[in-house]
């Protein structure tokens, strides 16, 4: 009897997990060595039409910075910092291809890598 009640409760409860949306891959043009050459980059994200993304949608890009505070029991502090925006070029049901829309170097803290990278978090821009 207890087992039946437990299984019934287990089936009736809905567990929701927050999904993290990130840049999972990227592709870029090869440099030909010309002066003033513009190297284009495509970023692949795990957001798609199922999440409301369509062509020309704008995505905010965030980087999580984790720093250890030596003065507070070596407690780690995580910062979520917006580093720029991507514009969607193409989307499918569960993924999209985007390119850089804006990248404000002056308004962002110093990072080891000053470009978008695999693992950076993305979210739908609602402005």
C-alpha atoms as a PDB file:
ATOM      1  CA  UNK A   1       0.000   0.000   0.000  1.00  0.00           C
ATOM      2  CA  UNK A   2       2.752   2.448   0.962  1.00  0.00           C
ATOM      3  CA  UNK A   3       4.604   1.589  -2.207  1.00  0.00           C
ATOM      4  CA  UNK A   4       1.503   2.296  -4.318  1.00  0.00           C
ATOM      5  CA  UNK A   5       1.003   5.686  -2.649  1.00  0.00           C
ATOM      6  CA  UNK A   6       4.680   6.534  -3.117  1.00  0.00           C
ATOM      7  CA  UNK A   7       4.591   5.605  -6.808  1.00  0.00           C
ATOM      8  CA  UNK A   8       1.371   7.574  -7.299  1.00  0.00           C
ATOM      9  CA  UNK A   9       2.886  10.676  -5.697  1.00  0.00           C
ATOM     10  CA  UNK A  10       6.061  10.234  -7.708  1.00  0.00           C
ATOM     11  CA  UNK A  11       4.088  10.096 -10.956  1.00  0.00           C
ATOM     12  CA  UNK A  12       1.926  13.098 -10.054  1.00  0.00           C
ATOM     13  CA  UNK A  13       4.717  15.458  -9.090  1.00  0.00           C
ATOM     14  CA  UNK A  14       6.370  17.462 -11.796  1.00  0.00           C
ATOM     15  CA  UNK A  15       9.998  18.289 -11.370  1.00  0.00           C
ATOM     16  CA  UNK A  16      11.187  21.296 -13.277  1.00  0.00           C
ATOM     17  CA  UNK A  17      14.841  21.938 -13.879  1.00  0.00           C
ATOM     18  CA  UNK A  18      16.276  25.264 -14.978  1.00  0.00           C
ATOM     19  CA  UNK A  19      18.051  24.780 -18.247  1.00  0.00           C
ATOM     20  CA  UNK A  20      21.239  26.619 -18.977  1.00  0.00           C
ATOM     21  CA  UNK A  21      21.550  28.013 -22.498  1.00  0.00           C
ATOM     22  CA  UNK A  22      25.106  28.411 -23.745  1.00  0.00           C
ATOM     23  CA  UNK A  23      27.298  28.868 -26.778  1.00  0.00           C
ATOM     24  CA  UNK A  24      28.213  25.266 -27.602  1.00  0.00           C
ATOM     25  CA  UNK A  25      30.281  25.724 -30.756  1.00  0.00           C
ATOM     26  CA  UNK A  26      31.656  28.333 -33.119  1.00  0.00           C
ATOM     27  CA  UNK A  27      33.005  28.615 -36.672  1.00  0.00           C
ATOM     28  CA  UNK A  28      35.040  31.366 -38.290  1.00  0.00           C
ATOM     29  CA  UNK A  29      36.542  32.416 -41.609  1.00  0.00           C
ATOM     30  CA  UNK A  30      40.163  31.585 -42.243  1.00  0.00           C
ATOM     31  CA  UNK A  31      42.508  34.548 -42.363  1.00  0.00           C
ATOM     32  CA  UNK A  32      43.982  35.215 -45.810  1.00  0.00           C
ATOM     33  CA  UNK A  33      46.510  37.728 -44.473  1.00  0.00           C
ATOM     34  CA  UNK A  34      45.023  40.805 -46.161  1.00  0.00           C
ATOM     35  CA  UNK A  35      45.136  44.251 -44.541  1.00  0.00           C
ATOM     36  CA  UNK A  36      41.852  45.292 -42.882  1.00  0.00           C
ATOM     37  CA  UNK A  37      40.475  41.783 -43.358  1.00  0.00           C
ATOM     38  CA  UNK A  38      37.244  41.096 -41.481  1.00  0.00           C
ATOM     39  CA  UNK A  39      37.023  37.591 -40.073  1.00  0.00           C
ATOM     40  CA  UNK A  40      33.389  36.570 -39.570  1.00  0.00           C
ATOM     41  CA  UNK A  41      32.353  34.215 -36.762  1.00  0.00           C
ATOM     42  CA  UNK A  42      29.215  32.155 -36.261  1.00  0.00           C
ATOM     43  CA  UNK A  43      28.166  31.087 -32.783  1.00  0.00           C
ATOM     44  CA  UNK A  44      25.965  28.043 -32.197  1.00  0.00           C
ATOM     45  CA  UNK A  45      23.614  28.192 -29.196  1.00  0.00           C
ATOM     46  CA  UNK A  46      21.225  25.647 -27.704  1.00  0.00           C
ATOM     47  CA  UNK A  47      18.229  27.975 -27.960  1.00  0.00           C
ATOM     48  CA  UNK A  48      15.789  27.564 -30.830  1.00  0.00           C
ATOM     49  CA  UNK A  49      12.263  28.069 -32.059  1.00  0.00           C
ATOM     50  CA  UNK A  50      10.972  25.909 -29.191  1.00  0.00           C
ATOM     51  CA  UNK A  51      12.166  28.689 -26.845  1.00  0.00           C
ATOM     52  CA  UNK A  52      10.754  31.490 -29.023  1.00  0.00           C
ATOM     53  CA  UNK A  53      13.914  32.282 -30.997  1.00  0.00           C
ATOM     54  CA  UNK A  54      13.561  33.322 -34.637  1.00  0.00           C
ATOM     55  CA  UNK A  55      15.700  35.076 -37.251  1.00  0.00           C
ATOM     56  CA  UNK A  56      16.857  38.551 -36.121  1.00  0.00           C
ATOM     57  CA  UNK A  57      16.213  37.815 -32.423  1.00  0.00           C
ATOM     58  CA  UNK A  58      18.790  39.382 -30.110  1.00  0.00           C
ATOM     59  CA  UNK A  59      20.523  37.283 -27.445  1.00  0.00           C
ATOM     60  CA  UNK A  60      22.421  38.655 -24.458  1.00  0.00           C
ATOM     61  CA  UNK A  61      25.747  36.921 -23.773  1.00  0.00           C
ATOM     62  CA  UNK A  62      26.921  36.517 -20.173  1.00  0.00           C
ATOM     63  CA  UNK A  63      30.086  35.126 -18.638  1.00  0.00           C
ATOM     64  CA  UNK A  64      30.193  33.621 -15.160  1.00  0.00           C
ATOM     65  CA  UNK A  65      33.258  34.789 -13.237  1.00  0.00           C
ATOM     66  CA  UNK A  66      34.092  32.818 -10.101  1.00  0.00           C
ATOM     67  CA  UNK A  67      36.522  34.483  -7.683  1.00  0.00           C
ATOM     68  CA  UNK A  68      37.742  33.214  -4.328  1.00  0.00           C
ATOM     69  CA  UNK A  69      37.587  35.762  -1.486  1.00  0.00           C
ATOM     70  CA  UNK A  70      40.681  35.211   0.725  1.00  0.00           C
ATOM     71  CA  UNK A  71      39.245  37.423   3.495  1.00  0.00           C
ATOM     72  CA  UNK A  72      35.941  35.586   3.941  1.00  0.00           C
ATOM     73  CA  UNK A  73      36.906  31.956   4.690  1.00  0.00           C
ATOM     74  CA  UNK A  74      38.012  31.581   1.062  1.00  0.00           C
ATOM     75  CA  UNK A  75      34.358  31.701   0.018  1.00  0.00           C
ATOM     76  CA  UNK A  76      33.744  31.727  -3.752  1.00  0.00           C
ATOM     77  CA  UNK A  77      31.778  34.584  -5.265  1.00  0.00           C
ATOM     78  CA  UNK A  78      30.153  34.164  -8.692  1.00  0.00           C
ATOM     79  CA  UNK A  79      29.437  37.149 -10.932  1.00  0.00           C
ATOM     80  CA  UNK A  80      27.227  36.982 -14.017  1.00  0.00           C
ATOM     81  CA  UNK A  81      28.486  39.752 -16.323  1.00  0.00           C
ATOM     82  CA  UNK A  82      26.922  40.750 -19.650  1.00  0.00           C
ATOM     83  CA  UNK A  83      29.666  40.879 -22.269  1.00  0.00           C
ATOM     84  CA  UNK A  84      27.719  41.574 -25.455  1.00  0.00           C
ATOM     85  CA  UNK A  85      24.913  40.593 -27.793  1.00  0.00           C
ATOM     86  CA  UNK A  86      24.357  38.122 -30.616  1.00  0.00           C
ATOM     87  CA  UNK A  87      21.898  38.440 -33.520  1.00  0.00           C
ATOM     88  CA  UNK A  88      20.253  35.206 -34.691  1.00  0.00           C
ATOM     89  CA  UNK A  89      20.907  34.364 -38.351  1.00  0.00           C
ATOM     90  CA  UNK A  90      19.074  31.006 -38.458  1.00  0.00           C
ATOM     91  CA  UNK A  91      17.142  28.894 -35.972  1.00  0.00           C
ATOM     92  CA  UNK A  92      15.810  25.369 -35.781  1.00  0.00           C
ATOM     93  CA  UNK A  93      13.684  23.753 -33.081  1.00  0.00           C
ATOM     94  CA  UNK A  94      16.447  23.364 -30.503  1.00  0.00           C
ATOM     95  CA  UNK A  95      19.457  25.352 -31.772  1.00  0.00           C
ATOM     96  CA  UNK A  96      20.363  28.591 -33.513  1.00  0.00           C
ATOM     97  CA  UNK A  97      23.240  30.189 -35.400  1.00  0.00           C
ATOM     98  CA  UNK A  98      24.101  33.753 -34.406  1.00  0.00           C
ATOM     99  CA  UNK A  99      26.684  36.449 -35.157  1.00  0.00           C
ATOM    100  CA  UNK A 100      28.065  39.276 -33.034  1.00  0.00           C
ATOM    101  CA  UNK A 101      25.686  42.224 -32.797  1.00  0.00           C
ATOM    102  CA  UNK A 102      27.618  44.337 -30.334  1.00  0.00           C
ATOM    103  CA  UNK A 103      30.647  43.963 -28.155  1.00  0.00           C
ATOM    104  CA  UNK A 104      31.440  46.801 -25.745  1.00  0.00           C
ATOM    105  CA  UNK A 105      35.029  46.271 -24.564  1.00  0.00           C
ATOM    106  CA  UNK A 106      35.080  49.487 -22.510  1.00  0.00           C
ATOM    107  CA  UNK A 107      32.031  48.577 -20.417  1.00  0.00           C
ATOM    108  CA  UNK A 108      33.092  45.041 -19.470  1.00  0.00           C
ATOM    109  CA  UNK A 109      35.509  43.870 -16.759  1.00  0.00           C
ATOM    110  CA  UNK A 110      38.862  42.467 -17.877  1.00  0.00           C
ATOM    111  CA  UNK A 111      38.705  38.804 -18.912  1.00  0.00           C
ATOM    112  CA  UNK A 112      41.375  36.294 -19.853  1.00  0.00           C
ATOM    113  CA  UNK A 113      39.735  36.062 -23.292  1.00  0.00           C
ATOM    114  CA  UNK A 114      38.094  39.213 -24.638  1.00  0.00           C
ATOM    115  CA  UNK A 115      35.845  37.477 -27.147  1.00  0.00           C
ATOM    116  CA  UNK A 116      32.760  35.313 -26.853  1.00  0.00           C
ATOM    117  CA  UNK A 117      33.721  31.723 -26.154  1.00  0.00           C
ATOM    118  CA  UNK A 118      32.208  28.277 -25.850  1.00  0.00           C
ATOM    119  CA  UNK A 119      30.462  27.972 -22.497  1.00  0.00           C
ATOM    120  CA  UNK A 120      29.327  31.597 -22.275  1.00  0.00           C
ATOM    121  CA  UNK A 121      25.670  31.794 -21.234  1.00  0.00           C
ATOM    122  CA  UNK A 122      22.992  33.257 -23.497  1.00  0.00           C
ATOM    123  CA  UNK A 123      19.521  34.602 -22.768  1.00  0.00           C
ATOM    124  CA  UNK A 124      16.781  36.189 -24.831  1.00  0.00           C
ATOM    125  CA  UNK A 125      17.075  39.973 -24.892  1.00  0.00           C
ATOM    126  CA  UNK A 126      13.755  41.421 -23.758  1.00  0.00           C
ATOM    127  CA  UNK A 127      14.522  45.126 -24.237  1.00  0.00           C
END
